[in-house]
Amino acid sequence: MIPGWEAGVARTVERFGGVDVLVNNAAILLLAPLTQIRREDFLRIVEVNQLGPFRGIQAVFEAMKRGGGGSIVNIASTDGIEGVKGVSAC
């Protein structure tokens, strides 16, 4: 399990007896021309917006499985579906 996520899941299981729901609702946005975005900026956006939900799902999987299932809700912006001027690294 992922450090940080592991602690959060463990505290949740300890306090509430399991994990029933995960809502992935975190994202960051950088408004800048593509030519001005640094590699580090791009990777940070990908890490938060794409890898973050994936890691959260991995972290709760076993606890949800032990509890007989659960619900995972992934919330996304329409910026991920349609290109928007100045939003070059979604």
PDB file of N, CA and C in Angstrom:
ATOM      1  N   MET A   1       0.844  -1.177   0.000  1.00  0.00           N
ATOM      2  CA  MET A   1       0.000   0.000   0.000  1.00  0.00           C
ATOM      3  C   MET A   1       0.896   1.248   0.000  1.00  0.00           C
ATOM      4  N   ILE A   2       0.353   2.357  -0.329  1.00  0.00           N
ATOM      5  CA  ILE A   2       1.075   3.604  -0.476  1.00  0.00           C
ATOM      6  C   ILE A   2       1.174   4.315   0.868  1.00  0.00           C
ATOM      7  N   PRO A   3       2.405   4.733   1.291  1.00  0.00           N
ATOM      8  CA  PRO A   3       2.508   5.509   2.535  1.00  0.00           C
ATOM      9  C   PRO A   3       1.610   6.739   2.442  1.00  0.00           C
ATOM     10  N   GLY A   4       1.004   7.135   3.516  1.00  0.00           N
ATOM     11  CA  GLY A   4       0.035   8.235   3.485  1.00  0.00           C
ATOM     12  C   GLY A   4      -1.348   7.663   3.256  1.00  0.00           C
ATOM     13  N   TRP A   5      -1.517   7.074   2.113  1.00  0.00           N
ATOM     14  CA  TRP A   5      -2.779   6.376   1.835  1.00  0.00           C
ATOM     15  C   TRP A   5      -2.942   5.234   2.830  1.00  0.00           C
ATOM     16  N   GLU A   6      -1.856   4.511   3.069  1.00  0.00           N
ATOM     17  CA  GLU A   6      -1.903   3.375   3.986  1.00  0.00           C
ATOM     18  C   GLU A   6      -2.361   3.814   5.369  1.00  0.00           C
ATOM     19  N   ALA A   7      -1.793   4.895   5.860  1.00  0.00           N
ATOM     20  CA  ALA A   7      -2.163   5.401   7.181  1.00  0.00           C
ATOM     21  C   ALA A   7      -3.632   5.833   7.198  1.00  0.00           C
ATOM     22  N   GLY A   8      -4.073   6.514   6.153  1.00  0.00           N
ATOM     23  CA  GLY A   8      -5.466   6.964   6.089  1.00  0.00           C
ATOM     24  C   GLY A   8      -6.446   5.810   6.067  1.00  0.00           C
ATOM     25  N   VAL A   9      -6.140   4.792   5.285  1.00  0.00           N
ATOM     26  CA  VAL A   9      -7.014   3.614   5.214  1.00  0.00           C
ATOM     27  C   VAL A   9      -7.011   2.886   6.555  1.00  0.00           C
ATOM     28  N   ALA A  10      -5.839   2.733   7.168  1.00  0.00           N
ATOM     29  CA  ALA A  10      -5.753   2.050   8.466  1.00  0.00           C
ATOM     30  C   ALA A  10      -6.562   2.793   9.526  1.00  0.00           C
ATOM     31  N   ARG A  11      -6.465   4.119   9.559  1.00  0.00           N
ATOM     32  CA  ARG A  11      -7.243   4.905  10.533  1.00  0.00           C
ATOM     33  C   ARG A  11      -8.738   4.775  10.276  1.00  0.00           C
ATOM     34  N   THR A  12      -9.104   4.767   9.015  1.00  0.00           N
ATOM     35  CA  THR A  12     -10.520   4.639   8.662  1.00  0.00           C
ATOM     36  C   THR A  12     -11.068   3.289   9.106  1.00  0.00           C
ATOM     37  N   VAL A  13     -10.330   2.232   8.825  1.00  0.00           N
ATOM     38  CA  VAL A  13     -10.759   0.883   9.219  1.00  0.00           C
ATOM     39  C   VAL A  13     -10.846   0.783  10.739  1.00  0.00           C
ATOM     40  N   GLU A  14      -9.851   1.349  11.425  1.00  0.00           N
ATOM     41  CA  GLU A  14      -9.841   1.302  12.885  1.00  0.00           C
ATOM     42  C   GLU A  14     -11.027   2.062  13.482  1.00  0.00           C
ATOM     43  N   ARG A  15     -11.307   3.229  12.940  1.00  0.00           N
ATOM     44  CA  ARG A  15     -12.361   4.076  13.514  1.00  0.00           C
ATOM     45  C   ARG A  15     -13.766   3.641  13.112  1.00  0.00           C
ATOM     46  N   PHE A  16     -13.915   3.235  11.826  1.00  0.00           N
ATOM     47  CA  PHE A  16     -15.253   2.946  11.316  1.00  0.00           C
ATOM     48  C   PHE A  16     -15.498   1.475  10.998  1.00  0.00           C
ATOM     49  N   GLY A  17     -14.473   0.654  11.109  1.00  0.00           N
ATOM     50  CA  GLY A  17     -14.640  -0.775  10.878  1.00  0.00           C
ATOM     51  C   GLY A  17     -14.448  -1.219   9.443  1.00  0.00           C
ATOM     52  N   GLY A  18     -14.210  -0.317   8.538  1.00  0.00           N
ATOM     53  CA  GLY A  18     -13.986  -0.685   7.137  1.00  0.00           C
ATOM     54  C   GLY A  18     -14.022   0.540   6.242  1.00  0.00           C
ATOM     55  N   VAL A  19     -13.914   0.280   4.964  1.00  0.00           N
ATOM     56  CA  VAL A  19     -13.998   1.336   3.955  1.00  0.00           C
ATOM     57  C   VAL A  19     -15.118   0.966   3.002  1.00  0.00           C
ATOM     58  N   ASP A  20     -16.097   1.821   2.884  1.00  0.00           N
ATOM     59  CA  ASP A  20     -17.232   1.571   2.008  1.00  0.00           C
ATOM     60  C   ASP A  20     -17.199   2.427   0.752  1.00  0.00           C
ATOM     61  N   VAL A  21     -16.590   3.611   0.858  1.00  0.00           N
ATOM     62  CA  VAL A  21     -16.634   4.564  -0.242  1.00  0.00           C
ATOM     63  C   VAL A  21     -15.300   5.281  -0.379  1.00  0.00           C
ATOM     64  N   LEU A  22     -14.883   5.479  -1.612  1.00  0.00           N
ATOM     65  CA  LEU A  22     -13.749   6.349  -1.933  1.00  0.00           C
ATOM     66  C   LEU A  22     -14.240   7.347  -2.969  1.00  0.00           C
ATOM     67  N   VAL A  23     -14.045   8.631  -2.694  1.00  0.00           N
ATOM     68  CA  VAL A  23     -14.360   9.677  -3.668  1.00  0.00           C
ATOM     69  C   VAL A  23     -13.053  10.346  -4.058  1.00  0.00           C
ATOM     70  N   ASN A  24     -12.641  10.154  -5.302  1.00  0.00           N
ATOM     71  CA  ASN A  24     -11.455  10.813  -5.839  1.00  0.00           C
ATOM     72  C   ASN A  24     -11.896  12.145  -6.417  1.00  0.00           C
ATOM     73  N   ASN A  25     -11.598  13.227  -5.676  1.00  0.00           N
ATOM     74  CA  ASN A  25     -12.064  14.546  -6.081  1.00  0.00           C
ATOM     75  C   ASN A  25     -10.982  15.590  -5.833  1.00  0.00           C
ATOM     76  N   ALA A  26      -9.780  15.307  -6.264  1.00  0.00           N
ATOM     77  CA  ALA A  26      -8.686  16.263  -6.127  1.00  0.00           C
ATOM     78  C   ALA A  26      -8.039  16.451  -7.493  1.00  0.00           C
ATOM     79  N   ALA A  27      -7.675  17.679  -7.781  1.00  0.00           N
ATOM     80  CA  ALA A  27      -7.004  17.947  -9.053  1.00  0.00           C
ATOM     81  C   ALA A  27      -6.305  19.298  -8.959  1.00  0.00           C
ATOM     82  N   ILE A  28      -5.342  19.480  -9.826  1.00  0.00           N
ATOM     83  CA  ILE A  28      -4.690  20.772  -9.952  1.00  0.00           C
ATOM     84  C   ILE A  28      -4.730  21.185 -11.413  1.00  0.00           C
ATOM     85  N   LEU A  29      -4.609  22.473 -11.642  1.00  0.00           N
ATOM     86  CA  LEU A  29      -4.699  23.030 -12.982  1.00  0.00           C
ATOM     87  C   LEU A  29      -3.618  24.081 -13.142  1.00  0.00           C
ATOM     88  N   LEU A  30      -2.969  24.079 -14.267  1.00  0.00           N
ATOM     89  CA  LEU A  30      -1.953  25.082 -14.575  1.00  0.00           C
ATOM     90  C   LEU A  30      -2.361  25.784 -15.858  1.00  0.00           C
ATOM     91  N   LEU A  31      -2.601  27.071 -15.761  1.00  0.00           N
ATOM     92  CA  LEU A  31      -2.960  27.859 -16.937  1.00  0.00           C
ATOM     93  C   LEU A  31      -1.699  28.514 -17.476  1.00  0.00           C
ATOM     94  N   ALA A  32      -1.181  27.985 -18.567  1.00  0.00           N
ATOM     95  CA  ALA A  32       0.032  28.516 -19.181  1.00  0.00           C
ATOM     96  C   ALA A  32       0.165  27.950 -20.586  1.00  0.00           C
ATOM     97  N   PRO A  33       0.824  28.684 -21.472  1.00  0.00           N
ATOM     98  CA  PRO A  33       1.083  28.145 -22.805  1.00  0.00           C
ATOM     99  C   PRO A  33       1.965  26.890 -22.717  1.00  0.00           C
ATOM    100  N   LEU A  34       1.712  25.960 -23.576  1.00  0.00           N
ATOM    101  CA  LEU A  34       2.468  24.706 -23.610  1.00  0.00           C
ATOM    102  C   LEU A  34       3.977  24.944 -23.617  1.00  0.00           C
ATOM    103  N   THR A  35       4.417  25.936 -24.342  1.00  0.00           N
ATOM    104  CA  THR A  35       5.861  26.208 -24.463  1.00  0.00           C
ATOM    105  C   THR A  35       6.472  26.752 -23.179  1.00  0.00           C
ATOM    106  N   GLN A  36       5.652  27.127 -22.212  1.00  0.00           N
ATOM    107  CA  GLN A  36       6.176  27.676 -20.966  1.00  0.00           C
ATOM    108  C   GLN A  36       6.069  26.716 -19.783  1.00  0.00           C
ATOM    109  N   ILE A  37       5.501  25.545 -20.021  1.00  0.00           N
ATOM    110  CA  ILE A  37       5.349  24.576 -18.940  1.00  0.00           C
ATOM    111  C   ILE A  37       6.612  23.735 -18.826  1.00  0.00           C
ATOM    112  N   ARG A  38       7.149  23.703 -17.612  1.00  0.00           N
ATOM    113  CA  ARG A  38       8.345  22.899 -17.359  1.00  0.00           C
ATOM    114  C   ARG A  38       7.957  21.432 -17.176  1.00  0.00           C
ATOM    115  N   ARG A  39       8.908  20.576 -17.405  1.00  0.00           N
ATOM    116  CA  ARG A  39       8.701  19.135 -17.241  1.00  0.00           C
ATOM    117  C   ARG A  39       8.169  18.828 -15.841  1.00  0.00           C
ATOM    118  N   GLU A  40       8.731  19.477 -14.826  1.00  0.00           N
ATOM    119  CA  GLU A  40       8.320  19.249 -13.441  1.00  0.00           C
ATOM    120  C   GLU A  40       6.860  19.632 -13.221  1.00  0.00           C
ATOM    121  N   ASP A  41       6.434  20.723 -13.859  1.00  0.00           N
ATOM    122  CA  ASP A  41       5.035  21.149 -13.750  1.00  0.00           C
ATOM    123  C   ASP A  41       4.111  20.097 -14.356  1.00  0.00           C
ATOM    124  N   PHE A  42       4.464  19.655 -15.548  1.00  0.00           N
ATOM    125  CA  PHE A  42       3.650  18.651 -16.241  1.00  0.00           C
ATOM    126  C   PHE A  42       3.553  17.370 -15.418  1.00  0.00           C
ATOM    127  N   LEU A  43       4.683  16.895 -14.902  1.00  0.00           N
ATOM    128  CA  LEU A  43       4.690  15.658 -14.130  1.00  0.00           C
ATOM    129  C   LEU A  43       3.889  15.800 -12.838  1.00  0.00           C
ATOM    130  N   ARG A  44       3.915  16.966 -12.218  1.00  0.00           N
ATOM    131  CA  ARG A  44       3.128  17.190 -11.007  1.00  0.00           C
ATOM    132  C   ARG A  44       1.633  17.097 -11.312  1.00  0.00           C
ATOM    133  N   ILE A  45       1.219  17.670 -12.421  1.00  0.00           N
ATOM    134  CA  ILE A  45      -0.197  17.609 -12.820  1.00  0.00           C
ATOM    135  C   ILE A  45      -0.612  16.160 -13.075  1.00  0.00           C
ATOM    136  N   VAL A  46       0.207  15.424 -13.800  1.00  0.00           N
ATOM    137  CA  VAL A  46      -0.103  14.014 -14.084  1.00  0.00           C
ATOM    138  C   VAL A  46      -0.136  13.210 -12.789  1.00  0.00           C
ATOM    139  N   GLU A  47       0.801  13.495 -11.887  1.00  0.00           N
ATOM    140  CA  GLU A  47       0.844  12.751 -10.630  1.00  0.00           C
ATOM    141  C   GLU A  47      -0.416  12.986  -9.793  1.00  0.00           C
ATOM    142  N   VAL A  48      -0.847  14.217  -9.696  1.00  0.00           N
ATOM    143  CA  VAL A  48      -2.034  14.519  -8.893  1.00  0.00           C
ATOM    144  C   VAL A  48      -3.316  14.070  -9.602  1.00  0.00           C
ATOM    145  N   ASN A  49      -3.471  14.443 -10.875  1.00  0.00           N
ATOM    146  CA  ASN A  49      -4.747  14.244 -11.572  1.00  0.00           C
ATOM    147  C   ASN A  49      -4.971  12.834 -12.095  1.00  0.00           C
ATOM    148  N   GLN A  50      -3.921  12.121 -12.403  1.00  0.00           N
ATOM    149  CA  GLN A  50      -4.083  10.774 -12.960  1.00  0.00           C
ATOM    150  C   GLN A  50      -3.588   9.692 -12.014  1.00  0.00           C
ATOM    151  N   LEU A  51      -2.385   9.863 -11.496  1.00  0.00           N
ATOM    152  CA  LEU A  51      -1.826   8.845 -10.611  1.00  0.00           C
ATOM    153  C   LEU A  51      -2.511   8.848  -9.241  1.00  0.00           C
ATOM    154  N   GLY A  52      -2.923  10.025  -8.771  1.00  0.00           N
ATOM    155  CA  GLY A  52      -3.583  10.118  -7.470  1.00  0.00           C
ATOM    156  C   GLY A  52      -4.811   9.233  -7.338  1.00  0.00           C
ATOM    157  N   PRO A  53      -5.772   9.337  -8.249  1.00  0.00           N
ATOM    158  CA  PRO A  53      -6.940   8.461  -8.156  1.00  0.00           C
ATOM    159  C   PRO A  53      -6.584   6.974  -8.266  1.00  0.00           C
ATOM    160  N   PHE A  54      -5.663   6.645  -9.129  1.00  0.00           N
ATOM    161  CA  PHE A  54      -5.213   5.257  -9.287  1.00  0.00           C
ATOM    162  C   PHE A  54      -4.652   4.731  -7.968  1.00  0.00           C
ATOM    163  N   ARG A  55      -3.816   5.535  -7.319  1.00  0.00           N
ATOM    164  CA  ARG A  55      -3.210   5.115  -6.055  1.00  0.00           C
ATOM    165  C   ARG A  55      -4.259   4.998  -4.951  1.00  0.00           C
ATOM    166  N   GLY A  56      -5.222   5.890  -4.952  1.00  0.00           N
ATOM    167  CA  GLY A  56      -6.292   5.803  -3.963  1.00  0.00           C
ATOM    168  C   GLY A  56      -7.098   4.524  -4.104  1.00  0.00           C
ATOM    169  N   ILE A  57      -7.400   4.179  -5.339  1.00  0.00           N
ATOM    170  CA  ILE A  57      -8.144   2.940  -5.601  1.00  0.00           C
ATOM    171  C   ILE A  57      -7.334   1.732  -5.132  1.00  0.00           C
ATOM    172  N   GLN A  58      -6.057   1.722  -5.444  1.00  0.00           N
ATOM    173  CA  GLN A  58      -5.207   0.624  -4.977  1.00  0.00           C
ATOM    174  C   GLN A  58      -5.203   0.534  -3.456  1.00  0.00           C
ATOM    175  N   ALA A  59      -5.162   1.681  -2.793  1.00  0.00           N
ATOM    176  CA  ALA A  59      -5.056   1.706  -1.339  1.00  0.00           C
ATOM    177  C   ALA A  59      -6.295   1.156  -0.643  1.00  0.00           C
ATOM    178  N   VAL A  60      -7.466   1.418  -1.174  1.00  0.00           N
ATOM    179  CA  VAL A  60      -8.699   0.964  -0.508  1.00  0.00           C
ATOM    180  C   VAL A  60      -9.155  -0.414  -0.969  1.00  0.00           C
ATOM    181  N   PHE A  61      -8.563  -0.943  -2.009  1.00  0.00           N
ATOM    182  CA  PHE A  61      -9.053  -2.176  -2.626  1.00  0.00           C
ATOM    183  C   PHE A  61      -9.212  -3.324  -1.627  1.00  0.00           C
ATOM    184  N   GLU A  62      -8.160  -3.646  -0.903  1.00  0.00           N
ATOM    185  CA  GLU A  62      -8.219  -4.800   0.009  1.00  0.00           C
ATOM    186  C   GLU A  62      -9.221  -4.581   1.135  1.00  0.00           C
ATOM    187  N   ALA A  63      -9.270  -3.369   1.688  1.00  0.00           N
ATOM    188  CA  ALA A  63     -10.233  -3.090   2.760  1.00  0.00           C
ATOM    189  C   ALA A  63     -11.662  -3.224   2.247  1.00  0.00           C
ATOM    190  N   MET A  64     -11.917  -2.725   1.045  1.00  0.00           N
ATOM    191  CA  MET A  64     -13.255  -2.866   0.460  1.00  0.00           C
ATOM    192  C   MET A  64     -13.580  -4.329   0.185  1.00  0.00           C
ATOM    193  N   LYS A  65     -12.612  -5.052  -0.310  1.00  0.00           N
ATOM    194  CA  LYS A  65     -12.812  -6.469  -0.609  1.00  0.00           C
ATOM    195  C   LYS A  65     -13.151  -7.236   0.672  1.00  0.00           C
ATOM    196  N   ARG A  66     -12.405  -6.968   1.748  1.00  0.00           N
ATOM    197  CA  ARG A  66     -12.681  -7.633   3.034  1.00  0.00           C
ATOM    198  C   ARG A  66     -14.083  -7.291   3.546  1.00  0.00           C
ATOM    199  N   GLY A  67     -14.541  -6.093   3.260  1.00  0.00           N
ATOM    200  CA  GLY A  67     -15.861  -5.662   3.717  1.00  0.00           C
ATOM    201  C   GLY A  67     -16.993  -6.080   2.805  1.00  0.00           C
ATOM    202  N   GLY A  68     -16.689  -6.759   1.730  1.00  0.00           N
ATOM    203  CA  GLY A  68     -17.726  -7.237   0.825  1.00  0.00           C
ATOM    204  C   GLY A  68     -18.029  -6.304  -0.334  1.00  0.00           C
ATOM    205  N   GLY A  69     -17.216  -5.280  -0.520  1.00  0.00           N
ATOM    206  CA  GLY A  69     -17.410  -4.371  -1.651  1.00  0.00           C
ATOM    207  C   GLY A  69     -17.507  -2.934  -1.199  1.00  0.00           C
ATOM    208  N   GLY A  70     -17.814  -2.083  -2.129  1.00  0.00           N
ATOM    209  CA  GLY A  70     -17.930  -0.665  -1.835  1.00  0.00           C
ATOM    210  C   GLY A  70     -18.146   0.104  -3.125  1.00  0.00           C
ATOM    211  N   SER A  71     -18.067   1.413  -3.004  1.00  0.00           N
ATOM    212  CA  SER A  71     -18.252   2.280  -4.162  1.00  0.00           C
ATOM    213  C   SER A  71     -17.051   3.196  -4.326  1.00  0.00           C
ATOM    214  N   ILE A  72     -16.613   3.363  -5.559  1.00  0.00           N
ATOM    215  CA  ILE A  72     -15.536   4.287  -5.889  1.00  0.00           C
ATOM    216  C   ILE A  72     -16.084   5.289  -6.888  1.00  0.00           C
ATOM    217  N   VAL A  73     -15.994   6.564  -6.528  1.00  0.00           N
ATOM    218  CA  VAL A  73     -16.494   7.639  -7.375  1.00  0.00           C
ATOM    219  C   VAL A  73     -15.302   8.472  -7.818  1.00  0.00           C
ATOM    220  N   ASN A  74     -15.075   8.533  -9.116  1.00  0.00           N
ATOM    221  CA  ASN A  74     -14.005   9.344  -9.681  1.00  0.00           C
ATOM    222  C   ASN A  74     -14.631  10.564 -10.339  1.00  0.00           C
ATOM    223  N   ILE A  75     -14.276  11.730  -9.833  1.00  0.00           N
ATOM    224  CA  ILE A  75     -14.809  12.981 -10.358  1.00  0.00           C
ATOM    225  C   ILE A  75     -13.757  13.605 -11.257  1.00  0.00           C
ATOM    226  N   ALA A  76     -14.183  14.043 -12.433  1.00  0.00           N
ATOM    227  CA  ALA A  76     -13.249  14.626 -13.387  1.00  0.00           C
ATOM    228  C   ALA A  76     -13.822  15.912 -13.960  1.00  0.00           C
ATOM    229  N   SER A  77     -12.947  16.709 -14.502  1.00  0.00           N
ATOM    230  CA  SER A  77     -13.335  17.957 -15.138  1.00  0.00           C
ATOM    231  C   SER A  77     -13.598  17.728 -16.621  1.00  0.00           C
ATOM    232  N   THR A  78     -14.419  18.565 -17.195  1.00  0.00           N
ATOM    233  CA  THR A  78     -14.633  18.487 -18.643  1.00  0.00           C
ATOM    234  C   THR A  78     -13.367  18.882 -19.403  1.00  0.00           C
ATOM    235  N   ASP A  79     -12.402  19.515 -18.731  1.00  0.00           N
ATOM    236  CA  ASP A  79     -11.134  19.851 -19.385  1.00  0.00           C
ATOM    237  C   ASP A  79     -10.392  18.596 -19.847  1.00  0.00           C
ATOM    238  N   GLY A  80     -10.690  17.464 -19.250  1.00  0.00           N
ATOM    239  CA  GLY A  80     -10.069  16.216 -19.667  1.00  0.00           C
ATOM    240  C   GLY A  80     -10.705  15.626 -20.910  1.00  0.00           C
ATOM    241  N   ILE A  81     -11.830  16.144 -21.310  1.00  0.00           N
ATOM    242  CA  ILE A  81     -12.554  15.634 -22.474  1.00  0.00           C
ATOM    243  C   ILE A  81     -12.360  16.535 -23.688  1.00  0.00           C
ATOM    244  N   GLU A  82     -12.318  17.821 -23.446  1.00  0.00           N
ATOM    245  CA  GLU A  82     -12.242  18.777 -24.533  1.00  0.00           C
ATOM    246  C   GLU A  82     -11.097  19.761 -24.263  1.00  0.00           C
ATOM    247  N   GLY A  83     -10.304  20.007 -25.269  1.00  0.00           N
ATOM    248  CA  GLY A  83      -9.203  20.946 -25.119  1.00  0.00           C
ATOM    249  C   GLY A  83      -9.686  22.362 -24.842  1.00  0.00           C
ATOM    250  N   VAL A  84      -8.947  23.063 -23.987  1.00  0.00           N
ATOM    251  CA  VAL A  84      -9.277  24.434 -23.631  1.00  0.00           C
ATOM    252  C   VAL A  84      -8.022  25.280 -23.779  1.00  0.00           C
ATOM    253  N   LYS A  85      -8.148  26.420 -24.410  1.00  0.00           N
ATOM    254  CA  LYS A  85      -7.013  27.298 -24.627  1.00  0.00           C
ATOM    255  C   LYS A  85      -6.348  27.662 -23.282  1.00  0.00           C
ATOM    256  N   GLY A  86      -5.039  27.498 -23.226  1.00  0.00           N
ATOM    257  CA  GLY A  86      -4.282  27.834 -22.030  1.00  0.00           C
ATOM    258  C   GLY A  86      -4.223  26.732 -21.000  1.00  0.00           C
ATOM    259  N   VAL A  87      -4.939  25.645 -21.222  1.00  0.00           N
ATOM    260  CA  VAL A  87      -4.921  24.503 -20.312  1.00  0.00           C
ATOM    261  C   VAL A  87      -4.203  23.379 -21.063  1.00  0.00           C
ATOM    262  N   SER A  88      -2.898  23.421 -20.987  1.00  0.00           N
ATOM    263  CA  SER A  88      -2.131  22.553 -21.878  1.00  0.00           C
ATOM    264  C   SER A  88      -1.674  21.254 -21.255  1.00  0.00           C
ATOM    265  N   ALA A  89      -1.805  21.087 -19.966  1.00  0.00           N
ATOM    266  CA  ALA A  89      -1.326  19.862 -19.354  1.00  0.00           C
ATOM    267  C   ALA A  89      -2.372  19.286 -18.406  1.00  0.00           C
ATOM    268  N   CYS A  90      -3.414  18.700 -18.984  1.00  0.00           N
ATOM    269  CA  CYS A  90      -4.478  18.117 -18.148  1.00  0.00           C
ATOM    270  C   CYS A  90      -4.222  16.656 -17.925  1.00  0.00           C
TER     271      CYS A  90
END
